[in-house]
Amino acid sequence: MTNLLRSFGHLLPIFLILAAVLAVGVFLAYVPTLRARRRVGHRMLWLWATLCWVSGVLLVTLFPQAWGMETSRTVSLTPFASFAGGAGVDGSVLMEAAANCLMFSVGGFLLGLATDRIGVIAAACVGLAVIVEFCQYVLALGRVASIDDVLWAGAGCLLGVAIARLSSRYGQNFRFNRRQPEGLDRRTTHVVRRDRPARR
């Protein structure tokens, strides 16, 4: 944890400012809906959290490690080659892999609350990871564009989706992609249909 704070601690103030700006933006976007007295607090919270996640991923992965220094472009297309080279946060490959899984598991969890389509969620998370690695290589940010990061991102995404499904099945139902029409209760409808006399 200390190594992570040393590596990314300077980005925390920037992230907090972005989170505050995004909170204001989401609130302003939902002002007309709030005036109509509709309950959209959970949607606002989800949108804000998702935007914060995307911003955090881009901030952590695309922020230059050094300013004013000549950097090189490095790419690794061999899966799990980093385990042999010892690259990562302070030389810890396992820590880097766990950080990637954790970072994208948050995205998988948030997207898993909004949709049941695992393919769409995986495509979104893996697509974001591919864009990040591409930008790291093109912009020469002093980072290694590695296929491992994409694989760990996909694994973390699936983990987040699994947690989202468990939370909606065994815990409080945070999902908002399935809503009953107002005034309609399936159990009530079932009872009414069962008690209705049969037609002759």
C-alpha atoms as a PDB file:
ATOM      1  CA  MET A   1       0.000   0.000   0.000  1.00  0.00           C
ATOM      2  CA  THR A   2       2.877   2.358   0.783  1.00  0.00           C
ATOM      3  CA  ASN A   3       4.395   1.752  -2.645  1.00  0.00           C
ATOM      4  CA  LEU A   4       1.062   2.480  -4.326  1.00  0.00           C
ATOM      5  CA  LEU A   5       0.697   5.724  -2.404  1.00  0.00           C
ATOM      6  CA  ARG A   6       4.183   6.770  -3.428  1.00  0.00           C
ATOM      7  CA  SER A   7       3.442   5.955  -7.064  1.00  0.00           C
ATOM      8  CA  PHE A   8      -0.039   7.468  -7.379  1.00  0.00           C
ATOM      9  CA  GLY A   9      -0.561   9.561  -4.254  1.00  0.00           C
ATOM     10  CA  HIS A  10       0.171  12.783  -6.135  1.00  0.00           C
ATOM     11  CA  LEU A  11      -2.833  12.064  -8.371  1.00  0.00           C
ATOM     12  CA  LEU A  12      -5.314  11.981  -5.483  1.00  0.00           C
ATOM     13  CA  PRO A  13      -5.918  15.777  -5.339  1.00  0.00           C
ATOM     14  CA  ILE A  14      -6.501  15.842  -9.109  1.00  0.00           C
ATOM     15  CA  PHE A  15      -8.954  12.956  -8.842  1.00  0.00           C
ATOM     16  CA  LEU A  16     -10.871  14.629  -6.016  1.00  0.00           C
ATOM     17  CA  ILE A  17     -11.214  17.800  -8.073  1.00  0.00           C
ATOM     18  CA  LEU A  18     -12.450  15.784 -11.054  1.00  0.00           C
ATOM     19  CA  ALA A  19     -14.930  13.943  -8.832  1.00  0.00           C
ATOM     20  CA  ALA A  20     -16.305  17.234  -7.531  1.00  0.00           C
ATOM     21  CA  VAL A  21     -16.632  18.665 -11.039  1.00  0.00           C
ATOM     22  CA  LEU A  22     -18.367  15.500 -12.241  1.00  0.00           C
ATOM     23  CA  ALA A  23     -20.773  15.626  -9.291  1.00  0.00           C
ATOM     24  CA  VAL A  24     -21.776  19.162 -10.221  1.00  0.00           C
ATOM     25  CA  GLY A  25     -22.132  18.186 -13.882  1.00  0.00           C
ATOM     26  CA  VAL A  26     -24.333  15.177 -13.114  1.00  0.00           C
ATOM     27  CA  PHE A  27     -26.517  17.266 -10.809  1.00  0.00           C
ATOM     28  CA  LEU A  28     -26.982  19.967 -13.452  1.00  0.00           C
ATOM     29  CA  ALA A  29     -27.806  17.355 -16.072  1.00  0.00           C
ATOM     30  CA  TYR A  30     -30.580  15.952 -13.862  1.00  0.00           C
ATOM     31  CA  VAL A  31     -32.037  19.274 -12.730  1.00  0.00           C
ATOM     32  CA  PRO A  32     -35.058  19.038 -15.108  1.00  0.00           C
ATOM     33  CA  THR A  33     -35.774  15.507 -13.904  1.00  0.00           C
ATOM     34  CA  LEU A  34     -35.462  16.525 -10.274  1.00  0.00           C
ATOM     35  CA  ARG A  35     -37.881  19.393 -10.851  1.00  0.00           C
ATOM     36  CA  ALA A  36     -40.388  16.849 -12.100  1.00  0.00           C
ATOM     37  CA  ARG A  37     -40.044  15.154  -8.690  1.00  0.00           C
ATOM     38  CA  ARG A  38     -38.847  11.891 -10.126  1.00  0.00           C
ATOM     39  CA  ARG A  39     -36.747   9.565  -8.030  1.00  0.00           C
ATOM     40  CA  VAL A  40     -33.461   9.352  -9.903  1.00  0.00           C
ATOM     41  CA  GLY A  41     -31.025   9.508  -7.022  1.00  0.00           C
ATOM     42  CA  HIS A  42     -29.712   5.990  -7.682  1.00  0.00           C
ATOM     43  CA  ARG A  43     -29.214   6.763 -11.362  1.00  0.00           C
ATOM     44  CA  MET A  44     -27.360   9.959 -10.548  1.00  0.00           C
ATOM     45  CA  LEU A  45     -25.132   8.127  -8.102  1.00  0.00           C
ATOM     46  CA  TRP A  46     -24.417   5.361 -10.632  1.00  0.00           C
ATOM     47  CA  LEU A  47     -23.599   7.823 -13.403  1.00  0.00           C
ATOM     48  CA  TRP A  48     -21.317   9.841 -11.136  1.00  0.00           C
ATOM     49  CA  ALA A  49     -19.525   6.718  -9.888  1.00  0.00           C
ATOM     50  CA  THR A  50     -19.062   5.400 -13.436  1.00  0.00           C
ATOM     51  CA  LEU A  51     -17.673   8.699 -14.686  1.00  0.00           C
ATOM     52  CA  CYS A  52     -15.344   8.844 -11.687  1.00  0.00           C
ATOM     53  CA  TRP A  53     -14.165   5.318 -12.452  1.00  0.00           C
ATOM     54  CA  VAL A  54     -13.398   6.126 -16.082  1.00  0.00           C
ATOM     55  CA  SER A  55     -11.644   9.336 -15.059  1.00  0.00           C
ATOM     56  CA  GLY A  56      -9.626   7.491 -12.420  1.00  0.00           C
ATOM     57  CA  VAL A  57      -8.532   4.810 -14.889  1.00  0.00           C
ATOM     58  CA  LEU A  58      -7.420   7.383 -17.443  1.00  0.00           C
ATOM     59  CA  LEU A  59      -5.689   9.459 -14.792  1.00  0.00           C
ATOM     60  CA  VAL A  60      -3.731   6.554 -13.323  1.00  0.00           C
ATOM     61  CA  THR A  61      -2.772   4.980 -16.633  1.00  0.00           C
ATOM     62  CA  LEU A  62      -2.182   8.000 -18.883  1.00  0.00           C
ATOM     63  CA  PHE A  63      -0.633  10.529 -16.504  1.00  0.00           C
ATOM     64  CA  PRO A  64       3.048  10.961 -17.486  1.00  0.00           C
ATOM     65  CA  GLN A  65       5.495   9.461 -15.030  1.00  0.00           C
ATOM     66  CA  ALA A  66       8.006  12.240 -15.653  1.00  0.00           C
ATOM     67  CA  TRP A  67       7.880  15.706 -17.175  1.00  0.00           C
ATOM     68  CA  GLY A  68      10.546  17.185 -19.436  1.00  0.00           C
ATOM     69  CA  MET A  69      12.376  13.893 -19.911  1.00  0.00           C
ATOM     70  CA  GLU A  70      12.830  11.888 -23.078  1.00  0.00           C
ATOM     71  CA  THR A  71      10.706   8.743 -22.966  1.00  0.00           C
ATOM     72  CA  SER A  72      10.632   5.669 -25.148  1.00  0.00           C
ATOM     73  CA  ARG A  73       7.874   3.500 -26.569  1.00  0.00           C
ATOM     74  CA  THR A  74       7.782  -0.052 -25.262  1.00  0.00           C
ATOM     75  CA  VAL A  75       5.268  -2.721 -26.163  1.00  0.00           C
ATOM     76  CA  SER A  76       4.851  -6.296 -24.965  1.00  0.00           C
ATOM     77  CA  LEU A  77       2.521  -8.534 -26.960  1.00  0.00           C
ATOM     78  CA  THR A  78       3.498 -11.836 -25.304  1.00  0.00           C
ATOM     79  CA  PRO A  79       0.944 -12.872 -22.676  1.00  0.00           C
ATOM     80  CA  PHE A  80       2.312 -13.020 -19.133  1.00  0.00           C
ATOM     81  CA  ALA A  81       5.820 -12.120 -20.271  1.00  0.00           C
ATOM     82  CA  SER A  82       6.021  -9.601 -17.436  1.00  0.00           C
ATOM     83  CA  PHE A  83       6.239 -12.424 -14.903  1.00  0.00           C
ATOM     84  CA  ALA A  84       9.644 -13.292 -16.324  1.00  0.00           C
ATOM     85  CA  GLY A  85      10.846  -9.696 -16.480  1.00  0.00           C
ATOM     86  CA  GLY A  86       9.780  -8.506 -13.036  1.00  0.00           C
ATOM     87  CA  ALA A  87       8.173  -5.265 -14.200  1.00  0.00           C
ATOM     88  CA  GLY A  88       5.480  -3.513 -12.255  1.00  0.00           C
ATOM     89  CA  VAL A  89       5.027  -1.218  -9.304  1.00  0.00           C
ATOM     90  CA  ASP A  90       8.454  -1.225  -7.619  1.00  0.00           C
ATOM     91  CA  GLY A  91       9.257  -4.477  -9.409  1.00  0.00           C
ATOM     92  CA  SER A  92       6.179  -6.304  -8.123  1.00  0.00           C
ATOM     93  CA  VAL A  93       4.359  -7.946 -11.027  1.00  0.00           C
ATOM     94  CA  LEU A  94       1.748  -9.464  -8.771  1.00  0.00           C
ATOM     95  CA  MET A  95       0.933  -6.051  -7.335  1.00  0.00           C
ATOM     96  CA  GLU A  96       0.506  -4.589 -10.806  1.00  0.00           C
ATOM     97  CA  ALA A  97      -1.733  -7.476 -11.863  1.00  0.00           C
ATOM     98  CA  ALA A  98      -3.833  -7.138  -8.709  1.00  0.00           C
ATOM     99  CA  ALA A  99      -4.099  -3.372  -9.234  1.00  0.00           C
ATOM    100  CA  ASN A 100      -5.359  -3.874 -12.792  1.00  0.00           C
ATOM    101  CA  CYS A 101      -7.881  -6.484 -11.667  1.00  0.00           C
ATOM    102  CA  LEU A 102      -9.123  -4.287  -8.848  1.00  0.00           C
ATOM    103  CA  MET A 103      -9.348  -1.195 -11.044  1.00  0.00           C
ATOM    104  CA  PHE A 104     -11.429  -2.886 -13.724  1.00  0.00           C
ATOM    105  CA  SER A 105     -13.473  -4.949 -11.279  1.00  0.00           C
ATOM    106  CA  VAL A 106     -14.947  -1.633 -10.143  1.00  0.00           C
ATOM    107  CA  GLY A 107     -16.001  -0.947 -13.726  1.00  0.00           C
ATOM    108  CA  GLY A 108     -17.410  -4.439 -14.138  1.00  0.00           C
ATOM    109  CA  PHE A 109     -19.405  -4.032 -10.931  1.00  0.00           C
ATOM    110  CA  LEU A 110     -20.835  -0.655 -11.944  1.00  0.00           C
ATOM    111  CA  LEU A 111     -21.744  -1.788 -15.444  1.00  0.00           C
ATOM    112  CA  GLY A 112     -23.125  -5.022 -14.025  1.00  0.00           C
ATOM    113  CA  LEU A 113     -25.643  -2.963 -12.076  1.00  0.00           C
ATOM    114  CA  ALA A 114     -26.930  -1.410 -15.290  1.00  0.00           C
ATOM    115  CA  THR A 115     -27.160  -4.358 -17.675  1.00  0.00           C
ATOM    116  CA  ASP A 116     -27.206  -8.162 -17.772  1.00  0.00           C
ATOM    117  CA  ARG A 117     -25.260  -8.348 -21.031  1.00  0.00           C
ATOM    118  CA  ILE A 118     -21.864  -9.704 -20.036  1.00  0.00           C
ATOM    119  CA  GLY A 119     -20.594  -9.358 -23.602  1.00  0.00           C
ATOM    120  CA  VAL A 120     -21.336  -5.643 -23.643  1.00  0.00           C
ATOM    121  CA  ILE A 121     -19.707  -5.150 -20.249  1.00  0.00           C
ATOM    122  CA  ALA A 122     -16.597  -7.118 -21.207  1.00  0.00           C
ATOM    123  CA  ALA A 123     -16.336  -5.270 -24.513  1.00  0.00           C
ATOM    124  CA  ALA A 124     -16.551  -1.918 -22.735  1.00  0.00           C
ATOM    125  CA  CYS A 125     -13.912  -2.746 -20.134  1.00  0.00           C
ATOM    126  CA  VAL A 126     -11.532  -4.519 -22.491  1.00  0.00           C
ATOM    127  CA  GLY A 127     -12.047  -1.786 -25.088  1.00  0.00           C
ATOM    128  CA  LEU A 128     -11.093   0.837 -22.512  1.00  0.00           C
ATOM    129  CA  ALA A 129      -8.006  -1.178 -21.594  1.00  0.00           C
ATOM    130  CA  VAL A 130      -6.983  -1.464 -25.262  1.00  0.00           C
ATOM    131  CA  ILE A 131      -7.436   2.285 -25.750  1.00  0.00           C
ATOM    132  CA  VAL A 132      -5.287   2.948 -22.683  1.00  0.00           C
ATOM    133  CA  GLU A 133      -2.480   0.664 -23.883  1.00  0.00           C
ATOM    134  CA  PHE A 134      -2.642   2.192 -27.365  1.00  0.00           C
ATOM    135  CA  CYS A 135      -2.385   5.715 -25.945  1.00  0.00           C
ATOM    136  CA  GLN A 136       0.497   4.699 -23.693  1.00  0.00           C
ATOM    137  CA  TYR A 137       2.423   3.514 -26.730  1.00  0.00           C
ATOM    138  CA  VAL A 138       1.524   6.345 -29.099  1.00  0.00           C
ATOM    139  CA  LEU A 139       2.027   9.146 -26.586  1.00  0.00           C
ATOM    140  CA  ALA A 140       5.302   7.679 -25.272  1.00  0.00           C
ATOM    141  CA  LEU A 141       4.400   8.190 -21.632  1.00  0.00           C
ATOM    142  CA  GLY A 142       7.279   6.133 -20.290  1.00  0.00           C
ATOM    143  CA  ARG A 143       5.031   3.142 -19.650  1.00  0.00           C
ATOM    144  CA  VAL A 144       4.976  -0.351 -21.112  1.00  0.00           C
ATOM    145  CA  ALA A 145       2.010  -1.092 -23.373  1.00  0.00           C
ATOM    146  CA  SER A 146       1.419  -4.707 -22.404  1.00  0.00           C
ATOM    147  CA  ILE A 147      -1.125  -7.308 -23.419  1.00  0.00           C
ATOM    148  CA  ASP A 148      -1.045  -8.488 -19.813  1.00  0.00           C
ATOM    149  CA  ASP A 149      -2.813  -5.331 -18.692  1.00  0.00           C
ATOM    150  CA  VAL A 150      -5.649  -6.054 -21.123  1.00  0.00           C
ATOM    151  CA  LEU A 151      -5.958  -9.641 -19.882  1.00  0.00           C
ATOM    152  CA  TRP A 152      -6.001  -8.586 -16.239  1.00  0.00           C
ATOM    153  CA  ALA A 153      -8.548  -5.918 -17.082  1.00  0.00           C
ATOM    154  CA  GLY A 154     -10.826  -8.551 -18.596  1.00  0.00           C
ATOM    155  CA  ALA A 155     -10.410 -10.797 -15.557  1.00  0.00           C
ATOM    156  CA  GLY A 156     -11.177  -7.926 -13.196  1.00  0.00           C
ATOM    157  CA  CYS A 157     -14.214  -6.976 -15.246  1.00  0.00           C
ATOM    158  CA  LEU A 158     -15.689 -10.478 -14.965  1.00  0.00           C
ATOM    159  CA  LEU A 159     -14.986 -10.467 -11.238  1.00  0.00           C
ATOM    160  CA  GLY A 160     -16.865  -7.194 -10.870  1.00  0.00           C
ATOM    161  CA  VAL A 161     -19.833  -8.527 -12.830  1.00  0.00           C
ATOM    162  CA  ALA A 162     -19.958 -11.595 -10.587  1.00  0.00           C
ATOM    163  CA  ILE A 163     -19.966  -9.397  -7.477  1.00  0.00           C
ATOM    164  CA  ALA A 164     -22.741  -7.251  -8.967  1.00  0.00           C
ATOM    165  CA  ARG A 165     -24.905 -10.301  -9.581  1.00  0.00           C
ATOM    166  CA  LEU A 166     -24.303 -11.643  -6.096  1.00  0.00           C
ATOM    167  CA  SER A 167     -25.160  -8.289  -4.556  1.00  0.00           C
ATOM    168  CA  SER A 168     -28.458  -8.156  -6.418  1.00  0.00           C
ATOM    169  CA  ARG A 169     -29.328 -11.766  -5.652  1.00  0.00           C
ATOM    170  CA  TYR A 170     -28.410 -12.122  -1.987  1.00  0.00           C
ATOM    171  CA  GLY A 171     -28.177  -8.546  -0.792  1.00  0.00           C
ATOM    172  CA  GLN A 172     -29.957  -5.288  -1.378  1.00  0.00           C
ATOM    173  CA  ASN A 173     -31.129  -4.972  -4.954  1.00  0.00           C
ATOM    174  CA  PHE A 174     -29.196  -2.037  -6.407  1.00  0.00           C
ATOM    175  CA  ARG A 175     -30.038  -2.874  -9.985  1.00  0.00           C
ATOM    176  CA  PHE A 176     -32.158  -0.431 -11.876  1.00  0.00           C
ATOM    177  CA  ASN A 177     -32.337  -1.958 -15.352  1.00  0.00           C
ATOM    178  CA  ARG A 178     -35.456  -3.946 -14.459  1.00  0.00           C
ATOM    179  CA  ARG A 179     -38.385  -1.877 -13.307  1.00  0.00           C
ATOM    180  CA  GLN A 180     -42.019  -2.809 -12.987  1.00  0.00           C
ATOM    181  CA  PRO A 181     -44.544  -0.409 -14.477  1.00  0.00           C
ATOM    182  CA  GLU A 182     -45.993   1.897 -11.855  1.00  0.00           C
ATOM    183  CA  GLY A 183     -48.957   0.417 -10.030  1.00  0.00           C
ATOM    184  CA  LEU A 184     -48.295  -3.116 -11.269  1.00  0.00           C
ATOM    185  CA  ASP A 185     -47.496  -5.937  -8.873  1.00  0.00           C
ATOM    186  CA  ARG A 186     -46.865  -9.387 -10.288  1.00  0.00           C
ATOM    187  CA  ARG A 187     -48.080 -11.132  -7.146  1.00  0.00           C
ATOM    188  CA  THR A 188     -51.296  -9.112  -7.111  1.00  0.00           C
ATOM    189  CA  THR A 189     -51.861  -9.751 -10.803  1.00  0.00           C
ATOM    190  CA  HIS A 190     -51.349 -13.465 -10.254  1.00  0.00           C
ATOM    191  CA  VAL A 191     -53.889 -13.592  -7.436  1.00  0.00           C
ATOM    192  CA  VAL A 192     -56.481 -11.677  -9.438  1.00  0.00           C
ATOM    193  CA  ARG A 193     -56.110 -14.003 -12.391  1.00  0.00           C
ATOM    194  CA  ARG A 194     -56.394 -17.085 -10.205  1.00  0.00           C
ATOM    195  CA  ASP A 195     -59.528 -15.833  -8.449  1.00  0.00           C
ATOM    196  CA  ARG A 196     -61.235 -14.735 -11.657  1.00  0.00           C
ATOM    197  CA  PRO A 197     -64.112 -17.157 -12.450  1.00  0.00           C
ATOM    198  CA  ALA A 198     -63.604 -19.309 -15.482  1.00  0.00           C
ATOM    199  CA  ARG A 199     -65.587 -18.451 -18.573  1.00  0.00           C
ATOM    200  CA  ARG A 200     -68.098 -21.025 -19.894  1.00  0.00           C
END
